[in-house]
N, C-alpha and C. Protein backbone atom coordinates (compact mmCIF):
# COMPACT_ATOMS: atom_id res chain seq x y z
N MET A 1 27.00 88.92 -3.99
CA MET A 1 27.57 89.15 -5.30
C MET A 1 28.28 87.90 -5.80
N LEU A 2 29.03 87.25 -4.92
CA LEU A 2 29.76 86.05 -5.32
C LEU A 2 28.81 84.92 -5.68
N SER A 3 27.72 84.80 -4.97
CA SER A 3 26.76 83.73 -5.28
C SER A 3 26.09 83.99 -6.63
N TRP A 4 25.81 85.24 -6.94
CA TRP A 4 25.23 85.58 -8.25
C TRP A 4 26.24 85.25 -9.36
N LEU A 5 27.49 85.58 -9.13
CA LEU A 5 28.53 85.32 -10.13
C LEU A 5 28.71 83.83 -10.37
N THR A 6 28.72 83.04 -9.33
CA THR A 6 28.88 81.59 -9.50
C THR A 6 27.64 80.97 -10.16
N ALA A 7 26.47 81.53 -9.91
CA ALA A 7 25.25 81.01 -10.51
C ALA A 7 25.17 81.35 -12.00
N ASN A 8 25.84 82.43 -12.42
CA ASN A 8 25.74 82.89 -13.80
C ASN A 8 27.08 82.90 -14.52
N VAL A 9 27.99 82.05 -14.11
CA VAL A 9 29.34 82.05 -14.68
C VAL A 9 29.32 81.76 -16.18
N GLY A 10 28.46 80.88 -16.65
CA GLY A 10 28.37 80.57 -18.07
C GLY A 10 27.93 81.77 -18.89
N THR A 11 26.93 82.46 -18.40
CA THR A 11 26.43 83.65 -19.09
C THR A 11 27.49 84.74 -19.12
N VAL A 12 28.21 84.91 -18.03
CA VAL A 12 29.24 85.94 -17.96
C VAL A 12 30.37 85.63 -18.94
N ILE A 13 30.79 84.38 -19.02
CA ILE A 13 31.87 84.00 -19.93
C ILE A 13 31.45 84.18 -21.38
N ILE A 14 30.26 83.74 -21.73
CA ILE A 14 29.78 83.90 -23.11
C ILE A 14 29.65 85.37 -23.46
N THR A 15 29.16 86.19 -22.55
CA THR A 15 29.04 87.62 -22.81
C THR A 15 30.40 88.25 -23.03
N LEU A 16 31.38 87.89 -22.22
CA LEU A 16 32.73 88.43 -22.39
C LEU A 16 33.33 88.01 -23.73
N VAL A 17 33.13 86.76 -24.13
CA VAL A 17 33.64 86.29 -25.42
C VAL A 17 32.99 87.05 -26.57
N LEU A 18 31.69 87.28 -26.49
CA LEU A 18 31.00 88.03 -27.54
C LEU A 18 31.48 89.48 -27.59
N ILE A 19 31.70 90.09 -26.45
CA ILE A 19 32.20 91.47 -26.42
C ILE A 19 33.58 91.55 -27.06
N VAL A 20 34.44 90.60 -26.74
CA VAL A 20 35.79 90.59 -27.33
C VAL A 20 35.70 90.40 -28.84
N ALA A 21 34.83 89.51 -29.30
CA ALA A 21 34.68 89.27 -30.74
C ALA A 21 34.21 90.53 -31.46
N VAL A 22 33.24 91.22 -30.90
CA VAL A 22 32.73 92.45 -31.53
C VAL A 22 33.81 93.52 -31.56
N VAL A 23 34.56 93.67 -30.48
CA VAL A 23 35.63 94.67 -30.45
C VAL A 23 36.69 94.35 -31.50
N LEU A 24 37.07 93.08 -31.62
CA LEU A 24 38.06 92.70 -32.63
C LEU A 24 37.56 92.95 -34.05
N ILE A 25 36.30 92.69 -34.30
CA ILE A 25 35.73 92.95 -35.62
C ILE A 25 35.77 94.44 -35.93
N VAL A 26 35.40 95.27 -34.98
CA VAL A 26 35.42 96.72 -35.19
C VAL A 26 36.85 97.20 -35.43
N VAL A 27 37.81 96.69 -34.69
CA VAL A 27 39.20 97.09 -34.87
C VAL A 27 39.69 96.72 -36.27
N VAL A 28 39.38 95.52 -36.72
CA VAL A 28 39.82 95.08 -38.05
C VAL A 28 39.16 95.92 -39.14
N LEU A 29 37.87 96.20 -39.00
CA LEU A 29 37.17 97.01 -40.00
C LEU A 29 37.74 98.43 -40.05
N ARG A 30 38.02 99.02 -38.91
CA ARG A 30 38.59 100.37 -38.90
C ARG A 30 39.99 100.38 -39.50
N ARG A 31 40.80 99.36 -39.19
CA ARG A 31 42.15 99.29 -39.75
C ARG A 31 42.09 99.13 -41.26
N ASP A 32 41.20 98.28 -41.75
CA ASP A 32 41.07 98.09 -43.19
C ASP A 32 40.60 99.37 -43.88
N LYS A 33 39.70 100.09 -43.25
CA LYS A 33 39.20 101.34 -43.83
C LYS A 33 40.32 102.37 -43.92
N LYS A 34 41.15 102.45 -42.89
CA LYS A 34 42.27 103.39 -42.91
C LYS A 34 43.29 103.04 -43.99
N GLN A 35 43.43 101.74 -44.29
CA GLN A 35 44.37 101.29 -45.31
C GLN A 35 43.77 101.34 -46.71
N GLY A 36 42.51 101.75 -46.81
CA GLY A 36 41.86 101.87 -48.11
C GLY A 36 41.29 100.58 -48.65
N LYS A 37 41.25 99.56 -47.84
CA LYS A 37 40.68 98.28 -48.28
C LYS A 37 39.16 98.37 -48.22
N SER A 38 38.51 97.55 -49.01
CA SER A 38 37.06 97.56 -49.04
C SER A 38 36.56 96.13 -49.21
N SER A 39 35.38 95.86 -48.71
CA SER A 39 34.78 94.54 -48.89
C SER A 39 34.05 94.46 -50.22
N CYS A 40 33.98 95.56 -50.92
CA CYS A 40 33.30 95.61 -52.22
C CYS A 40 34.17 94.92 -53.26
N GLY A 41 33.57 94.05 -54.04
CA GLY A 41 34.29 93.36 -55.10
C GLY A 41 34.44 94.17 -56.37
N GLY A 42 33.71 95.29 -56.47
CA GLY A 42 33.80 96.14 -57.65
C GLY A 42 32.93 95.70 -58.81
N ASN A 43 32.18 94.63 -58.66
CA ASN A 43 31.30 94.14 -59.71
C ASN A 43 29.90 94.69 -59.46
N CYS A 44 29.63 95.87 -60.00
CA CYS A 44 28.37 96.56 -59.70
C CYS A 44 27.17 95.95 -60.42
N GLY A 45 27.41 95.03 -61.35
CA GLY A 45 26.30 94.41 -62.07
C GLY A 45 25.44 93.54 -61.18
N HIS A 46 26.00 93.04 -60.09
CA HIS A 46 25.24 92.17 -59.19
C HIS A 46 24.91 92.86 -57.88
N CYS A 47 25.12 94.16 -57.83
CA CYS A 47 24.90 94.90 -56.59
C CYS A 47 23.59 95.68 -56.66
N PRO A 48 22.81 95.67 -55.58
CA PRO A 48 21.57 96.44 -55.59
C PRO A 48 21.80 97.94 -55.75
N MET A 49 22.97 98.42 -55.34
CA MET A 49 23.27 99.85 -55.50
C MET A 49 23.64 100.18 -56.94
N GLY A 50 24.06 99.20 -57.72
CA GLY A 50 24.29 99.32 -59.15
C GLY A 50 25.12 100.51 -59.59
N GLY A 51 26.29 100.72 -59.02
CA GLY A 51 27.17 101.79 -59.46
C GLY A 51 27.03 103.09 -58.68
N GLN A 52 26.24 103.11 -57.65
CA GLN A 52 26.04 104.32 -56.87
C GLN A 52 27.21 104.62 -55.92
N CYS A 53 27.96 103.59 -55.54
CA CYS A 53 29.01 103.81 -54.56
C CYS A 53 30.34 104.17 -55.20
N HIS A 54 30.53 103.89 -56.49
CA HIS A 54 31.78 104.21 -57.18
C HIS A 54 31.57 105.36 -58.13
N GLY A 55 32.57 106.18 -58.27
CA GLY A 55 32.48 107.29 -59.22
C GLY A 55 32.53 106.77 -60.65
N GLN A 56 32.15 107.62 -61.60
CA GLN A 56 32.21 107.25 -63.01
C GLN A 56 33.65 107.05 -63.44
N ARG A 57 33.91 105.97 -64.14
CA ARG A 57 35.28 105.67 -64.58
C ARG A 57 35.42 105.94 -66.05
């Protein structure tokens, strides 16, 4: 086991860094959603959904 770990230490470190980055992204997105923040700019004229995500104002 130790020889496998030493042979693949670079892959293990990169994998751990990627896992941490994904977890942090998910945490930030969930926190923003709970606070009511959105990544939508509100300009539906340039959006392919064209007003489908917002209610009529």
